[in-house]
Amino acid sequence: MATDAETEFQSRNAERREKYHEADVVVVGAGIFGCAIAFALANQGRSVILLERWMHEPDRIVGELLQPGGMNALRKLGLEKCLEGIDAVPCYGYHVLYHKEDVVFPYPVVDDDGKVQTDRTAHASSNGLTTTTTTTEKGDTKALLPSRRPEGRSFHHGRFIGQLRKACGAHANITMFETEVMDTIRGEHTETVLGVTTRTTDKETGEKRPDGFFGKLTIIADGYASKFRKEYIGQAPIVRSKFYALELIDCPFTPQGYGHVIIGKAFPVLMYQIGTHETRALIDVPEKLPAASPQNGGVRGYITNVVVPTLPEHVRPCVLTALADGKIPKSMPNSWLPPARQGQHAGVILAGDAYNMRHPLTGGGMTVAFNDAVLLAALLHPDRVAHLDDAAHMRAAMADFHWRRKSLTSIINVLAQALYALFAAQDRQLSALQRGCFRYFQLGITDEPVGMMGGLIRRPLVLAYHFFSVAFLAIWVNGVDVCGGSLLGLWKLPLAILDAILILWKACVVFLPVVWIELR
């Protein structure tokens, strides 16, 4: 319970925010990262102004799947209650459907060091509970108490954002404003960012009036279409495809509670529940895809003629019903934006999608955002950085942030880009790697791969080990296919060896450049 002195201090800070638009921190963007970092810093006693252009519930088709690693970060932030009351659906792992073959793998049980519990065998049930057994010294199996595997959550993005904003709005150290940020404010004799200029709409007259907000630190989290990215990090996202979204009603796709990845003759399709009755379908469509050209009926023609036949028969009617309105489905660009070093611009930090993005195939965006918020808040804690306008301490904190986040984000980012390259294979070598990847999963080697996708494992070398293990398995599978698995096929061995070299080369081309960019 707050003392009288603390209450008076909070009251004075609230007046500064509301009347004079001054605070310790100005956060631009009340989205996933903006709300998380505002709440985290406010919990440290910082005075925070949170700005958002439009406070209505957003209607977006991404940011709907939160991995277990993101759930853990959400709990650390004290925002786990934001998942209540929004019809969020548990997610227990992944189901991959590959040309009518499939494999199901749940999230693994991971210890405090991020290592899979290999000494136990865990059997997942439909509700995420596991029955675990262990082997005694005599070789007998012994039943242990039921445990719960890590779980994710999927939901309507807008409902979740509404809960995050509600939590921020109720915090004594946060004041929220609906206003459009136009530019940053710099000092007359320094390049230090002192705040932002905005335009605020008068709700009675509709007139937009100029406004300004000031803070010792400005955190910009204005999303994938950030207007400040070019100025402060000098990079632009790379976009090679879009996800087109359908909302399916009462779609009978089993197993329930899993994210479905469908790989066939079409580009990858993702499906996961976002409510009791609603299932999201995300259909990847590369830029300038001939099958989606106007002559072939555009995106709707591609979905109808190419995608629907690759789906399970019991799913097709739901997709066709969702297409029946005759509209082009909503879309979002699939962007790749590697992280850049920050700290050279005093007084400002870019974060969230404005700073770092990866292909949404693995659903890692919110997990990265919440973990970034946890880390950044820890590095900016008053015990470490007493004054947020201390340029030297801020540069040191941002240098730590750049490197310390990589144990998690480099895995999620590289995995997203590499898996998309494999799942959207369009040449012989990538197709071989795709087959090898699925065969790898069929062999039951899934715990660490799905643990990395789920944000539970923070060891980048584990990713390298599994990626090249897939590559060598792909070489073996391809060699067996080429040689026919018999002595008579040995005359094709030179072709298999050539294929092996090309497959390994392609694996290096897919993996190593992304790793280099992520780890620099």
Protein backbone atom coordinates (compact mmCIF):
# COMPACT_ATOMS: atom_id res chain seq x y z
CA MET A 1 0.00 0.00 0.00
CA ALA A 2 1.37 3.41 -1.02
CA THR A 3 2.47 5.85 1.67
CA ASP A 4 1.20 9.44 1.79
CA ALA A 5 4.53 10.64 0.34
CA GLU A 6 4.33 8.14 -2.53
CA THR A 7 0.73 9.10 -3.23
CA GLU A 8 1.63 12.78 -3.33
CA PHE A 9 4.58 12.05 -5.63
CA GLN A 10 2.34 10.09 -8.00
CA SER A 11 -0.22 12.90 -7.93
CA ARG A 12 2.41 15.50 -8.89
CA ASN A 13 3.68 13.31 -11.71
CA ALA A 14 0.15 12.72 -12.97
CA GLU A 15 -0.39 16.50 -13.08
CA ARG A 16 2.85 16.93 -15.01
CA ARG A 17 1.71 14.35 -17.55
CA GLU A 18 -1.86 15.56 -17.94
CA LYS A 19 -1.32 19.33 -17.76
CA TYR A 20 2.21 19.90 -18.99
CA HIS A 21 2.72 16.71 -21.04
CA GLU A 22 5.98 15.90 -19.27
CA ALA A 23 7.17 12.51 -18.02
CA ASP A 24 10.24 10.37 -17.54
CA VAL A 25 9.35 8.33 -20.62
CA VAL A 26 7.23 9.00 -23.69
CA VAL A 27 6.16 5.81 -25.48
CA VAL A 28 4.90 6.14 -29.05
CA GLY A 29 2.47 3.38 -29.98
CA ALA A 30 0.11 1.49 -27.67
CA GLY A 31 0.55 -1.85 -29.39
CA ILE A 32 2.16 -5.05 -28.13
CA PHE A 33 5.59 -3.66 -27.28
CA GLY A 34 4.45 -0.13 -26.42
CA CYS A 35 1.99 -1.30 -23.78
CA ALA A 36 4.44 -3.85 -22.38
CA ILE A 37 7.35 -1.44 -21.94
CA ALA A 38 5.11 1.34 -20.62
CA PHE A 39 3.70 -1.01 -17.96
CA ALA A 40 7.14 -2.41 -17.06
CA LEU A 41 8.74 1.02 -16.62
CA ALA A 42 5.73 2.32 -14.71
CA ASN A 43 6.10 -0.61 -12.30
CA GLN A 44 9.61 0.68 -11.56
CA GLY A 45 8.19 4.03 -10.49
CA ARG A 46 8.87 5.82 -13.78
CA SER A 47 6.35 8.39 -14.96
CA VAL A 48 5.12 7.33 -18.41
CA ILE A 49 3.11 8.96 -21.21
CA LEU A 50 1.68 6.45 -23.70
CA LEU A 51 0.60 7.83 -27.09
CA GLU A 52 -1.62 6.09 -29.63
CA ARG A 53 -3.02 7.43 -32.90
CA TRP A 54 -6.27 5.49 -32.62
CA MET A 55 -7.54 3.96 -29.39
CA HIS A 56 -10.27 1.87 -31.00
CA GLU A 57 -9.82 -1.90 -31.01
CA PRO A 58 -7.47 -2.70 -33.92
CA ASP A 59 -8.52 -5.18 -36.57
CA ARG A 60 -5.31 -6.96 -37.59
CA ILE A 61 -4.60 -10.44 -38.88
CA VAL A 62 -1.22 -10.96 -37.20
CA GLY A 63 -0.19 -10.92 -33.56
CA GLU A 64 -2.69 -13.68 -32.78
CA LEU A 65 -0.43 -16.50 -31.53
CA LEU A 66 1.62 -16.11 -28.35
CA GLN A 67 4.23 -18.83 -27.87
CA PRO A 68 5.03 -20.30 -24.42
CA GLY A 69 8.19 -18.19 -24.21
CA GLY A 70 6.03 -15.12 -24.71
CA MET A 71 3.65 -16.35 -22.04
CA ASN A 72 6.56 -16.56 -19.61
CA ALA A 73 7.59 -13.00 -20.42
CA LEU A 74 4.00 -11.80 -20.05
CA ARG A 75 3.92 -13.25 -16.53
CA LYS A 76 7.20 -11.51 -15.66
CA LEU A 77 5.66 -8.22 -16.81
CA GLY A 78 2.61 -8.79 -14.60
CA LEU A 79 0.26 -8.70 -17.60
CA GLU A 80 -0.90 -12.34 -17.73
CA LYS A 81 -4.45 -11.33 -16.74
CA CYS A 82 -4.77 -9.59 -20.11
CA LEU A 83 -5.41 -13.04 -21.60
CA GLU A 84 -8.57 -13.43 -19.51
CA GLY A 85 -12.00 -12.63 -20.88
CA ILE A 86 -10.98 -12.56 -24.56
CA ASP A 87 -11.87 -16.16 -25.51
CA ALA A 88 -8.17 -17.05 -25.81
CA VAL A 89 -7.49 -20.64 -26.90
CA PRO A 90 -4.63 -22.80 -25.53
CA CYS A 91 -2.00 -23.87 -28.03
CA TYR A 92 -0.03 -27.04 -27.23
CA GLY A 93 2.34 -27.26 -30.17
CA TYR A 94 2.40 -27.81 -33.94
CA HIS A 95 0.81 -30.12 -36.47
CA VAL A 96 2.56 -30.28 -39.84
CA LEU A 97 0.63 -31.69 -42.81
CA TYR A 98 3.03 -32.48 -45.65
CA HIS A 99 1.44 -33.80 -48.85
CA LYS A 100 -1.20 -35.74 -46.87
CA GLU A 101 1.32 -37.10 -44.36
CA ASP A 102 1.36 -35.48 -40.97
CA VAL A 103 3.22 -35.28 -37.68
CA VAL A 104 2.17 -33.74 -34.37
CA PHE A 105 4.64 -32.42 -31.84
CA PRO A 106 3.79 -30.66 -28.57
CA TYR A 107 5.94 -28.13 -26.79
CA PRO A 108 8.53 -29.94 -24.65
CA VAL A 109 8.95 -29.83 -20.91
CA VAL A 110 11.96 -27.58 -20.36
CA ASP A 111 13.95 -27.04 -17.17
CA ASP A 112 15.03 -23.70 -15.71
CA ASP A 113 18.19 -23.75 -17.85
CA GLY A 114 16.17 -24.10 -21.04
CA LYS A 115 17.13 -27.76 -21.55
CA VAL A 116 14.60 -30.38 -22.58
CA GLN A 117 13.96 -32.93 -19.84
CA THR A 118 15.42 -35.91 -21.67
CA ASP A 119 15.34 -38.17 -18.62
CA ARG A 120 11.57 -38.32 -18.76
CA THR A 121 9.13 -39.44 -21.37
CA ALA A 122 6.13 -37.12 -21.62
CA HIS A 123 2.89 -38.13 -23.32
CA ALA A 124 0.64 -35.23 -24.23
CA SER A 125 -3.12 -35.41 -23.98
CA SER A 126 -5.68 -33.25 -25.76
CA ASN A 127 -5.87 -30.74 -22.92
CA GLY A 128 -2.11 -30.21 -22.65
CA LEU A 129 -1.63 -32.28 -19.50
CA THR A 130 1.19 -34.78 -19.63
CA THR A 131 1.72 -38.15 -18.04
CA THR A 132 5.43 -38.54 -17.36
CA THR A 133 7.46 -41.64 -16.65
CA THR A 134 11.07 -42.16 -15.71
CA THR A 135 13.31 -45.21 -15.78
CA THR A 136 14.60 -46.67 -12.52
CA GLU A 137 18.06 -48.16 -12.02
CA LYS A 138 16.54 -51.63 -12.55
CA GLY A 139 15.16 -50.61 -15.92
CA ASP A 140 11.54 -50.44 -14.76
CA THR A 141 9.37 -47.50 -15.65
CA LYS A 142 7.91 -45.53 -12.80
CA ALA A 143 4.90 -43.26 -13.13
CA LEU A 144 5.33 -39.71 -11.91
CA LEU A 145 2.77 -37.11 -10.96
CA PRO A 146 1.05 -35.50 -13.97
CA SER A 147 2.72 -32.30 -15.12
CA ARG A 148 1.75 -29.64 -17.62
CA ARG A 149 3.68 -28.98 -20.76
CA PRO A 150 4.26 -25.35 -21.73
CA GLU A 151 1.31 -23.78 -23.50
CA GLY A 152 0.80 -20.86 -25.81
CA ARG A 153 -2.35 -18.87 -26.45
CA SER A 154 -4.09 -17.76 -29.62
CA PHE A 155 -6.73 -15.04 -29.75
CA HIS A 156 -8.22 -12.09 -31.59
CA HIS A 157 -5.41 -9.55 -31.72
CA GLY A 158 -7.66 -6.56 -31.12
CA ARG A 159 -9.19 -8.01 -27.96
CA PHE A 160 -5.75 -8.66 -26.49
CA ILE A 161 -4.57 -5.14 -27.35
CA GLY A 162 -7.69 -3.79 -25.67
CA GLN A 163 -6.78 -5.63 -22.46
CA LEU A 164 -3.18 -4.41 -22.56
CA ARG A 165 -4.35 -0.81 -23.00
CA LYS A 166 -6.85 -1.25 -20.20
CA ALA A 167 -4.06 -2.40 -17.88
CA CYS A 168 -1.91 0.59 -18.84
CA GLY A 169 -4.80 3.00 -18.45
CA ALA A 170 -5.42 1.75 -14.90
CA HIS A 171 -1.78 2.20 -13.83
CA ALA A 172 -1.15 5.17 -11.55
CA ASN A 173 2.13 6.01 -13.30
CA ILE A 174 0.80 5.97 -16.88
CA THR A 175 -1.28 8.57 -18.71
CA MET A 176 -2.57 7.68 -22.18
CA PHE A 177 -3.36 10.13 -24.98
CA GLU A 178 -5.05 9.57 -28.32
CA THR A 179 -2.96 11.66 -30.68
CA GLU A 180 -1.05 11.29 -33.94
CA VAL A 181 2.71 11.60 -33.57
CA MET A 182 4.24 13.71 -36.33
CA ASP A 183 7.92 14.17 -35.50
CA THR A 184 10.53 14.10 -32.78
CA ILE A 185 11.63 17.24 -30.90
CA ARG A 186 15.33 18.05 -30.67
CA GLY A 187 17.15 20.62 -28.57
CA GLU A 188 18.29 23.90 -30.12
CA HIS A 189 21.98 23.16 -29.58
CA THR A 190 21.95 19.36 -29.44
CA GLU A 191 20.67 16.37 -31.42
CA THR A 192 19.22 14.81 -28.27
CA VAL A 193 15.54 13.87 -28.70
CA LEU A 194 13.44 15.64 -26.08
CA GLY A 195 9.99 14.35 -27.03
CA VAL A 196 7.54 14.37 -29.93
CA THR A 197 5.20 16.73 -31.73
CA THR A 198 1.66 15.48 -32.37
CA ARG A 199 -1.72 16.40 -33.80
CA THR A 200 -4.66 15.85 -31.49
CA THR A 201 -8.20 15.79 -32.83
CA ASP A 202 -10.75 17.85 -30.89
CA LYS A 203 -13.61 15.39 -30.35
CA GLU A 204 -16.22 18.14 -30.42
CA THR A 205 -15.10 20.10 -33.48
CA GLY A 206 -13.03 17.49 -35.33
CA GLU A 207 -10.24 20.04 -35.67
CA LYS A 208 -6.66 18.79 -35.42
CA ARG A 209 -4.50 20.95 -33.19
CA PRO A 210 -0.72 20.77 -32.73
CA ASP A 211 0.53 19.32 -29.47
CA GLY A 212 3.77 18.18 -27.87
CA PHE A 213 4.96 15.66 -25.28
CA PHE A 214 8.31 15.69 -23.48
CA GLY A 215 10.36 13.00 -21.75
CA LYS A 216 13.88 12.17 -20.71
CA LEU A 217 13.55 9.15 -22.97
CA THR A 218 11.33 8.59 -26.02
CA ILE A 219 10.61 4.97 -26.99
CA ILE A 220 9.14 4.63 -30.47
CA ALA A 221 7.15 1.46 -31.15
CA ASP A 222 4.98 2.59 -34.05
CA GLY A 223 4.79 -0.76 -35.82
CA TYR A 224 5.78 -2.37 -39.09
CA ALA A 225 5.10 0.81 -41.11
CA SER A 226 7.17 3.02 -38.80
CA LYS A 227 7.69 6.58 -40.02
CA PHE A 228 10.80 6.95 -37.85
CA ARG A 229 12.72 3.81 -38.88
CA LYS A 230 14.64 5.38 -41.76
CA GLU A 231 15.80 8.33 -39.66
CA TYR A 232 16.95 6.42 -36.59
CA ILE A 233 18.19 3.02 -37.78
CA GLY A 234 18.55 3.61 -41.51
CA GLN A 235 17.13 0.23 -42.58
CA ALA A 236 14.07 -0.82 -44.54
CA PRO A 237 12.26 -4.15 -44.19
CA ILE A 238 12.52 -6.74 -46.96
CA VAL A 239 9.13 -7.99 -48.17
CA ARG A 240 8.87 -10.94 -50.56
CA SER A 241 5.33 -12.16 -49.83
CA LYS A 242 2.08 -11.38 -48.04
CA PHE A 243 -0.21 -13.38 -45.81
CA TYR A 244 -3.84 -13.23 -46.91
CA ALA A 245 -6.23 -14.04 -44.08
CA LEU A 246 -9.54 -15.85 -43.83
CA GLU A 247 -11.62 -16.36 -40.71
CA LEU A 248 -13.18 -19.82 -40.71
CA ILE A 249 -16.20 -20.58 -38.54
CA ASP A 250 -16.43 -23.91 -36.70
CA CYS A 251 -13.68 -25.44 -38.83
CA PRO A 252 -13.21 -29.16 -37.95
CA PHE A 253 -9.40 -29.36 -38.07
CA THR A 254 -7.86 -31.93 -35.73
CA PRO A 255 -5.91 -32.16 -33.53
CA GLN A 256 -7.49 -29.21 -31.77
CA GLY A 257 -5.27 -26.85 -29.83
CA TYR A 258 -2.37 -27.05 -32.27
CA GLY A 259 -1.01 -24.67 -34.87
CA HIS A 260 -1.36 -26.31 -38.29
CA VAL A 261 1.24 -25.85 -41.03
CA ILE A 262 0.07 -27.17 -44.40
CA ILE A 263 2.70 -27.84 -47.06
CA GLY A 264 1.67 -29.07 -50.47
CA LYS A 265 1.70 -27.82 -54.04
CA ALA A 266 0.76 -24.35 -52.80
CA PHE A 267 2.89 -22.03 -50.70
CA PRO A 268 2.62 -22.54 -46.92
CA VAL A 269 -0.75 -22.20 -45.19
CA LEU A 270 -1.10 -21.64 -41.45
CA MET A 271 -4.23 -22.39 -39.45
CA TYR A 272 -4.91 -21.91 -35.75
CA GLN A 273 -7.91 -21.18 -33.57
CA ILE A 274 -8.37 -17.60 -32.39
CA GLY A 275 -11.61 -18.23 -30.50
CA THR A 276 -14.06 -20.95 -29.56
CA HIS A 277 -15.65 -20.86 -33.00
CA GLU A 278 -13.11 -18.95 -35.11
CA THR A 279 -10.05 -20.33 -36.89
CA ARG A 280 -7.55 -18.12 -38.65
CA ALA A 281 -6.18 -19.25 -42.01
CA LEU A 282 -3.10 -17.41 -43.28
CA ILE A 283 -2.21 -18.06 -46.91
CA ASP A 284 1.25 -17.11 -48.12
CA VAL A 285 1.29 -15.42 -51.54
CA PRO A 286 4.69 -14.32 -52.91
CA GLU A 287 4.94 -11.10 -54.86
CA LYS A 288 4.27 -11.39 -58.61
CA LEU A 289 3.12 -14.99 -58.29
CA PRO A 290 1.80 -16.03 -61.74
CA ALA A 291 -0.94 -18.20 -60.21
CA ALA A 292 -2.28 -15.07 -58.44
CA SER A 293 -2.16 -12.81 -61.49
CA PRO A 294 -5.31 -10.98 -62.66
CA GLN A 295 -5.52 -13.37 -65.63
CA ASN A 296 -5.83 -16.28 -63.17
CA GLY A 297 -8.39 -14.63 -60.94
CA GLY A 298 -6.01 -12.79 -58.63
CA VAL A 299 -5.50 -13.86 -55.03
CA ARG A 300 -9.01 -15.30 -54.78
CA GLY A 301 -8.35 -17.38 -57.90
CA TYR A 302 -5.07 -18.66 -56.45
CA ILE A 303 -6.74 -19.65 -53.17
CA THR A 304 -9.65 -21.35 -54.94
CA ASN A 305 -7.70 -23.13 -57.68
CA VAL A 306 -4.38 -23.93 -55.99
CA VAL A 307 -4.65 -23.68 -52.21
CA VAL A 308 -8.04 -25.30 -51.55
CA PRO A 309 -7.14 -28.60 -53.30
CA THR A 310 -4.09 -28.96 -51.01
CA LEU A 311 -6.23 -28.71 -47.85
CA PRO A 312 -7.89 -31.66 -46.09
CA GLU A 313 -11.31 -32.35 -47.60
CA HIS A 314 -13.18 -31.57 -44.38
CA VAL A 315 -11.57 -28.11 -44.23
CA ARG A 316 -12.33 -27.03 -47.80
CA PRO A 317 -16.03 -26.11 -47.31
CA CYS A 318 -15.10 -23.66 -44.51
CA VAL A 319 -12.54 -21.96 -46.74
CA LEU A 320 -14.93 -21.69 -49.65
CA THR A 321 -17.61 -20.26 -47.33
CA ALA A 322 -15.14 -17.63 -46.10
CA LEU A 323 -14.43 -16.69 -49.73
CA ALA A 324 -18.10 -16.44 -50.62
CA ASP A 325 -18.34 -12.72 -49.81
CA GLY A 326 -16.47 -11.97 -53.04
CA LYS A 327 -13.93 -9.67 -51.34
CA ILE A 328 -10.15 -9.83 -51.51
CA PRO A 329 -9.03 -11.17 -48.11
CA LYS A 330 -7.20 -8.86 -45.74
CA SER A 331 -3.45 -9.01 -46.04
CA MET A 332 -0.24 -8.12 -44.22
CA PRO A 333 3.29 -8.01 -45.64
CA ASN A 334 5.66 -10.71 -44.44
CA SER A 335 8.64 -8.58 -43.48
CA TRP A 336 12.23 -9.28 -42.54
CA LEU A 337 14.04 -6.51 -40.68
CA PRO A 338 17.28 -7.57 -38.93
CA PRO A 339 18.10 -5.75 -35.67
CA ALA A 340 20.48 -2.79 -35.79
CA ARG A 341 22.69 -1.31 -33.11
CA GLN A 342 21.18 1.63 -31.24
CA GLY A 343 22.49 4.27 -28.85
CA GLN A 344 23.98 6.69 -31.33
CA HIS A 345 20.84 8.90 -31.16
CA ALA A 346 20.55 10.27 -27.64
CA GLY A 347 17.13 10.31 -26.02
CA VAL A 348 15.36 7.88 -28.36
CA ILE A 349 14.97 4.11 -28.79
CA LEU A 350 13.17 2.23 -31.58
CA ALA A 351 11.56 -1.04 -30.54
CA GLY A 352 9.00 -3.65 -31.50
CA ASP A 353 8.23 -4.11 -35.21
CA ALA A 354 9.69 -0.67 -35.91
CA TYR A 355 13.07 -2.16 -34.97
CA ASN A 356 13.07 -5.89 -35.73
CA MET A 357 10.79 -8.21 -37.73
CA ARG A 358 10.89 -11.76 -39.02
CA HIS A 359 8.59 -13.89 -41.20
CA PRO A 360 5.46 -14.69 -39.15
CA LEU A 361 5.49 -18.36 -40.20
CA THR A 362 6.66 -19.48 -36.74
CA GLY A 363 4.52 -16.99 -34.80
CA GLY A 364 7.44 -15.50 -32.88
CA GLY A 365 6.70 -11.78 -33.10
CA MET A 366 4.94 -11.23 -29.79
CA THR A 367 7.35 -13.55 -27.99
CA VAL A 368 10.24 -11.38 -29.15
CA ALA A 369 8.37 -8.19 -28.20
CA PHE A 370 7.51 -9.24 -24.66
CA ASN A 371 10.98 -10.65 -23.99
CA ASP A 372 12.51 -7.44 -25.34
CA ALA A 373 10.31 -5.47 -22.96
CA VAL A 374 11.44 -7.60 -20.01
CA LEU A 375 15.11 -7.19 -20.92
CA LEU A 376 14.97 -3.48 -21.74
CA ALA A 377 13.10 -2.69 -18.53
CA ALA A 378 15.71 -4.60 -16.52
CA LEU A 379 18.56 -2.72 -18.21
CA LEU A 380 16.85 0.64 -17.60
CA HIS A 381 15.95 -0.10 -13.98
CA PRO A 382 16.59 2.91 -11.69
CA ASP A 383 19.23 0.86 -9.86
CA ARG A 384 21.22 0.66 -13.14
CA VAL A 385 20.24 3.89 -14.91
CA ALA A 386 19.15 6.47 -12.35
CA HIS A 387 18.62 9.20 -14.96
CA LEU A 388 17.27 8.29 -18.37
CA ASP A 389 18.83 11.42 -19.89
CA ASP A 390 22.33 10.20 -18.94
CA ALA A 391 23.67 9.57 -22.45
CA ALA A 392 26.68 7.49 -21.38
CA HIS A 393 24.64 5.09 -19.24
CA MET A 394 21.98 4.82 -21.95
CA ARG A 395 24.56 3.93 -24.61
CA ALA A 396 25.93 1.21 -22.34
CA ALA A 397 22.43 -0.11 -21.66
CA MET A 398 21.59 -0.25 -25.38
CA ALA A 399 24.86 -2.04 -26.15
CA ASP A 400 23.91 -4.67 -23.55
CA PHE A 401 20.41 -4.86 -25.00
CA HIS A 402 21.74 -5.45 -28.52
CA TRP A 403 23.83 -8.46 -27.49
CA ARG A 404 21.83 -9.99 -24.64
CA ARG A 405 18.60 -10.26 -26.62
CA LYS A 406 20.29 -12.39 -29.27
CA SER A 407 20.24 -15.60 -27.22
CA LEU A 408 16.50 -15.71 -27.90
CA THR A 409 15.71 -13.41 -30.81
CA SER A 410 18.47 -14.68 -33.10
CA ILE A 411 17.00 -18.19 -32.80
CA ILE A 412 13.45 -17.04 -33.53
CA ASN A 413 14.51 -14.74 -36.37
CA VAL A 414 16.81 -17.21 -38.12
CA LEU A 415 14.38 -20.09 -37.65
CA ALA A 416 11.54 -18.07 -39.17
CA GLN A 417 13.53 -17.09 -42.26
CA ALA A 418 15.12 -20.52 -42.75
CA LEU A 419 11.90 -22.49 -42.32
CA TYR A 420 10.05 -20.20 -44.71
CA ALA A 421 12.76 -20.79 -47.33
CA LEU A 422 12.31 -24.55 -46.87
CA PHE A 423 8.51 -24.60 -46.66
CA ALA A 424 8.15 -22.36 -49.71
CA ALA A 425 10.68 -24.42 -51.69
CA GLN A 426 10.71 -23.71 -55.41
CA ASP A 427 13.83 -25.54 -56.60
CA ARG A 428 15.25 -29.06 -56.46
CA GLN A 429 17.66 -28.49 -53.56
CA LEU A 430 15.18 -26.63 -51.37
CA SER A 431 12.58 -29.31 -52.06
CA ALA A 432 15.08 -31.92 -50.90
CA LEU A 433 15.72 -29.93 -47.73
CA GLN A 434 11.97 -29.65 -47.23
CA ARG A 435 11.58 -33.44 -47.45
CA GLY A 436 14.50 -33.88 -45.09
CA CYS A 437 12.95 -31.50 -42.57
CA PHE A 438 9.66 -33.38 -42.53
CA ARG A 439 11.45 -36.73 -42.30
CA TYR A 440 13.42 -35.31 -39.35
CA PHE A 441 10.14 -34.58 -37.59
CA GLN A 442 8.79 -38.03 -38.47
CA LEU A 443 11.79 -39.57 -36.73
CA GLY A 444 10.59 -37.91 -33.53
CA ILE A 445 13.37 -35.31 -33.32
CA THR A 446 11.00 -32.52 -32.42
CA ASP A 447 11.49 -31.42 -28.80
CA GLU A 448 14.35 -29.00 -29.32
CA PRO A 449 13.11 -27.66 -32.69
CA VAL A 450 9.64 -26.86 -31.32
CA GLY A 451 11.20 -25.64 -28.08
CA MET A 452 13.13 -23.08 -30.13
CA MET A 453 10.02 -22.07 -32.08
CA GLY A 454 8.20 -21.68 -28.76
CA GLY A 455 10.82 -19.33 -27.34
CA LEU A 456 11.79 -21.82 -24.63
CA ILE A 457 15.37 -22.58 -25.65
CA ARG A 458 18.01 -19.83 -25.73
CA ARG A 459 21.02 -21.61 -27.19
CA PRO A 460 21.76 -20.57 -30.80
CA LEU A 461 24.18 -23.47 -31.31
CA VAL A 462 21.25 -25.85 -30.86
CA LEU A 463 19.64 -24.26 -33.91
CA ALA A 464 22.78 -24.69 -36.00
CA TYR A 465 23.06 -28.34 -34.92
CA HIS A 466 19.48 -29.18 -35.92
CA PHE A 467 19.54 -27.22 -39.17
CA PHE A 468 22.59 -29.02 -40.50
CA SER A 469 21.33 -32.34 -39.14
CA VAL A 470 18.28 -31.76 -41.34
CA ALA A 471 20.58 -30.96 -44.26
CA PHE A 472 22.54 -34.19 -43.91
CA LEU A 473 19.35 -36.22 -43.48
CA ALA A 474 18.00 -34.55 -46.64
CA ILE A 475 21.17 -35.61 -48.48
CA TRP A 476 20.67 -39.21 -47.31
CA VAL A 477 16.95 -39.29 -48.22
CA ASN A 478 17.69 -37.78 -51.63
CA GLY A 479 20.53 -40.23 -52.20
CA VAL A 480 18.26 -43.19 -51.46
CA ASP A 481 15.64 -41.77 -53.86
CA VAL A 482 18.20 -41.24 -56.62
CA CYS A 483 19.91 -44.60 -56.26
CA GLY A 484 16.68 -46.49 -55.69
CA GLY A 485 17.90 -48.20 -52.54
CA SER A 486 19.41 -51.15 -54.44
CA LEU A 487 22.76 -52.25 -55.88
CA LEU A 488 21.48 -51.63 -59.41
CA GLY A 489 21.14 -47.97 -58.53
CA LEU A 490 24.83 -47.54 -57.73
CA TRP A 491 25.47 -46.32 -61.27
CA LYS A 492 23.54 -43.21 -60.25
CA LEU A 493 25.87 -42.60 -57.31
CA PRO A 494 27.77 -39.75 -59.04
CA LEU A 495 24.45 -37.93 -59.52
CA ALA A 496 23.62 -38.47 -55.84
CA ILE A 497 27.03 -37.08 -54.82
CA LEU A 498 26.50 -34.02 -57.01
CA ASP A 499 23.06 -33.55 -55.47
CA ALA A 500 24.60 -33.86 -51.99
CA ILE A 501 27.06 -31.05 -52.72
CA LEU A 502 24.32 -28.82 -54.13
CA ILE A 503 21.94 -29.53 -51.23
CA LEU A 504 24.61 -28.74 -48.64
CA TRP A 505 25.53 -25.59 -50.55
CA LYS A 506 21.88 -24.51 -50.65
CA ALA A 507 21.55 -25.14 -46.90
CA CYS A 508 24.56 -22.89 -46.29
CA VAL A 509 23.13 -20.21 -48.59
CA VAL A 510 19.81 -20.28 -46.73
CA PHE A 511 21.20 -20.40 -43.20
CA LEU A 512 24.58 -18.71 -42.92
CA PRO A 513 23.79 -15.25 -44.39
CA VAL A 514 20.81 -14.84 -42.06
CA VAL A 515 22.93 -15.96 -39.10
CA TRP A 516 25.68 -13.51 -40.04
CA ILE A 517 23.24 -10.60 -40.25
CA GLU A 518 21.58 -11.55 -36.97
CA LEU A 519 24.77 -12.00 -34.98
CA ARG A 520 26.75 -8.99 -36.16
